């Protein structure tokens, strides 16, 4: 599954592609499965200055 997460308030836009996610700010990550990649991308656009929780 692929997804797009856009936060108009802070300008961050993250996309997922399978188990990886990438943000327009340059941050990216690899999660254990596509569901967790979507969770991590959504978390990042809401809280771009916080690290992704280990449970994601």
N, C-alpha and C. Protein backbone atom coordinates (compact mmCIF):
# COMPACT_ATOMS: atom_id res chain seq x y z
N UNK A 1 0.84 -1.19 0.00
CA UNK A 1 0.00 0.00 0.00
C UNK A 1 0.88 1.24 0.00
N UNK A 2 0.44 2.24 -0.72
CA UNK A 2 1.14 3.51 -0.76
C UNK A 2 0.21 4.58 -0.21
N UNK A 3 0.78 5.57 0.45
CA UNK A 3 -0.03 6.64 1.01
C UNK A 3 0.69 7.96 0.94
N UNK A 4 -0.08 9.04 1.06
CA UNK A 4 0.46 10.39 1.08
C UNK A 4 -0.08 11.08 2.32
N UNK A 5 0.81 11.70 3.07
CA UNK A 5 0.44 12.40 4.30
C UNK A 5 0.94 13.83 4.17
N UNK A 6 0.00 14.78 4.21
CA UNK A 6 0.33 16.18 3.99
C UNK A 6 -0.13 16.99 5.19
N UNK A 7 0.76 17.81 5.74
CA UNK A 7 0.40 18.69 6.85
C UNK A 7 0.53 20.12 6.36
N UNK A 8 -0.60 20.75 6.09
CA UNK A 8 -0.58 22.11 5.54
C UNK A 8 -0.05 23.13 6.54
N UNK A 9 -0.18 22.82 7.83
CA UNK A 9 0.28 23.77 8.86
C UNK A 9 1.79 23.93 8.88
N UNK A 10 2.52 22.82 8.68
CA UNK A 10 3.98 22.92 8.76
C UNK A 10 4.69 22.61 7.45
N UNK A 11 3.95 22.27 6.39
CA UNK A 11 4.55 22.08 5.07
C UNK A 11 5.17 20.72 4.82
N UNK A 12 5.09 19.80 5.79
CA UNK A 12 5.67 18.48 5.58
C UNK A 12 4.73 17.61 4.76
N UNK A 13 5.30 16.87 3.81
CA UNK A 13 4.52 15.95 2.98
C UNK A 13 5.30 14.65 2.88
N UNK A 14 4.72 13.60 3.47
CA UNK A 14 5.39 12.31 3.48
C UNK A 14 4.63 11.33 2.58
N UNK A 15 5.37 10.47 1.91
CA UNK A 15 4.77 9.43 1.09
C UNK A 15 5.32 8.08 1.53
N UNK A 16 4.51 7.04 1.38
CA UNK A 16 4.96 5.69 1.69
C UNK A 16 4.99 4.86 0.42
N UNK A 17 5.94 3.93 0.40
CA UNK A 17 6.06 2.99 -0.71
C UNK A 17 6.44 1.64 -0.11
N UNK A 18 5.44 0.82 0.14
CA UNK A 18 5.72 -0.45 0.81
C UNK A 18 6.15 -0.20 2.23
N UNK A 19 7.34 -0.68 2.60
CA UNK A 19 7.81 -0.53 3.98
C UNK A 19 8.65 0.72 4.20
N UNK A 20 8.84 1.54 3.16
CA UNK A 20 9.63 2.76 3.31
C UNK A 20 8.75 4.00 3.26
N UNK A 21 9.18 5.05 3.95
CA UNK A 21 8.50 6.33 3.87
C UNK A 21 9.53 7.42 3.67
N UNK A 22 9.14 8.49 2.99
CA UNK A 22 10.03 9.61 2.68
C UNK A 22 9.25 10.90 2.85
N UNK A 23 9.89 11.92 3.42
CA UNK A 23 9.25 13.22 3.60
C UNK A 23 9.92 14.25 2.71
N UNK A 24 9.17 15.30 2.40
CA UNK A 24 9.72 16.39 1.58
C UNK A 24 10.88 17.11 2.28
N UNK A 25 10.99 16.96 3.61
CA UNK A 25 12.08 17.61 4.34
C UNK A 25 13.38 16.82 4.25
N UNK A 26 13.32 15.60 3.70
CA UNK A 26 14.53 14.79 3.57
C UNK A 26 14.58 13.61 4.52
N UNK A 27 13.73 13.59 5.54
CA UNK A 27 13.73 12.44 6.45
C UNK A 27 13.11 11.24 5.77
N UNK A 28 13.59 10.07 6.13
CA UNK A 28 13.06 8.84 5.56
C UNK A 28 13.24 7.73 6.57
N UNK A 29 12.54 6.65 6.36
CA UNK A 29 12.67 5.52 7.27
C UNK A 29 12.20 4.24 6.62
N UNK A 30 12.60 3.14 7.24
CA UNK A 30 12.18 1.81 6.81
C UNK A 30 11.56 1.15 8.02
N UNK A 31 10.32 0.69 7.89
CA UNK A 31 9.61 0.07 8.99
C UNK A 31 9.47 -1.43 8.73
N UNK A 32 8.91 -2.16 9.69
CA UNK A 32 8.84 -3.62 9.55
C UNK A 32 7.78 -4.09 8.57
N UNK A 33 6.74 -3.27 8.32
CA UNK A 33 5.76 -3.64 7.30
C UNK A 33 5.05 -2.37 6.81
N UNK A 34 4.16 -2.53 5.81
CA UNK A 34 3.56 -1.33 5.21
C UNK A 34 2.63 -0.60 6.18
N UNK A 35 1.97 -1.32 7.07
CA UNK A 35 1.10 -0.65 8.05
C UNK A 35 1.92 0.27 8.95
N UNK A 36 3.08 -0.20 9.39
CA UNK A 36 3.92 0.61 10.26
C UNK A 36 4.57 1.77 9.50
N UNK A 37 4.82 1.59 8.21
CA UNK A 37 5.35 2.70 7.41
C UNK A 37 4.31 3.82 7.33
N UNK A 38 3.03 3.46 7.20
CA UNK A 38 1.98 4.49 7.16
C UNK A 38 1.85 5.18 8.52
N UNK A 39 1.94 4.41 9.60
CA UNK A 39 1.90 5.02 10.93
C UNK A 39 3.06 5.99 11.13
N UNK A 40 4.26 5.58 10.73
CA UNK A 40 5.44 6.42 10.91
C UNK A 40 5.35 7.69 10.07
N UNK A 41 4.89 7.59 8.85
CA UNK A 41 4.76 8.76 7.98
C UNK A 41 3.74 9.74 8.56
N UNK A 42 2.61 9.21 9.02
CA UNK A 42 1.60 10.06 9.64
C UNK A 42 2.11 10.72 10.90
N UNK A 43 2.86 9.99 11.72
CA UNK A 43 3.43 10.56 12.94
C UNK A 43 4.43 11.66 12.59
N UNK A 44 5.28 11.42 11.59
CA UNK A 44 6.30 12.39 11.23
C UNK A 44 5.70 13.73 10.78
N UNK A 45 4.67 13.70 9.96
CA UNK A 45 4.12 14.98 9.49
C UNK A 45 3.44 15.75 10.62
N UNK A 46 2.95 15.03 11.64
CA UNK A 46 2.34 15.70 12.78
C UNK A 46 3.39 16.20 13.77
N UNK A 47 4.49 15.45 13.93
CA UNK A 47 5.53 15.78 14.91
C UNK A 47 6.90 15.67 14.25
N UNK A 48 7.23 16.59 13.33
CA UNK A 48 8.47 16.43 12.55
C UNK A 48 9.75 16.51 13.36
N UNK A 49 9.71 17.09 14.56
CA UNK A 49 10.94 17.22 15.35
C UNK A 49 11.14 16.09 16.35
N UNK A 50 10.19 15.17 16.42
CA UNK A 50 10.31 14.05 17.35
C UNK A 50 10.78 12.81 16.59
N UNK A 51 11.53 11.95 17.26
CA UNK A 51 11.92 10.68 16.61
C UNK A 51 10.69 9.78 16.49
N UNK A 52 10.72 8.90 15.50
CA UNK A 52 9.63 7.94 15.31
C UNK A 52 9.66 6.96 16.49
N UNK A 53 8.52 6.72 17.15
CA UNK A 53 8.51 5.79 18.28
C UNK A 53 8.99 4.40 17.88
N UNK A 54 9.66 3.74 18.78
CA UNK A 54 10.22 2.40 18.51
C UNK A 54 9.13 1.40 18.15
N UNK A 55 7.92 1.61 18.67
CA UNK A 55 6.83 0.66 18.40
C UNK A 55 6.33 0.77 16.95
N UNK A 56 6.71 1.81 16.23
CA UNK A 56 6.31 1.97 14.84
C UNK A 56 7.29 1.23 13.95
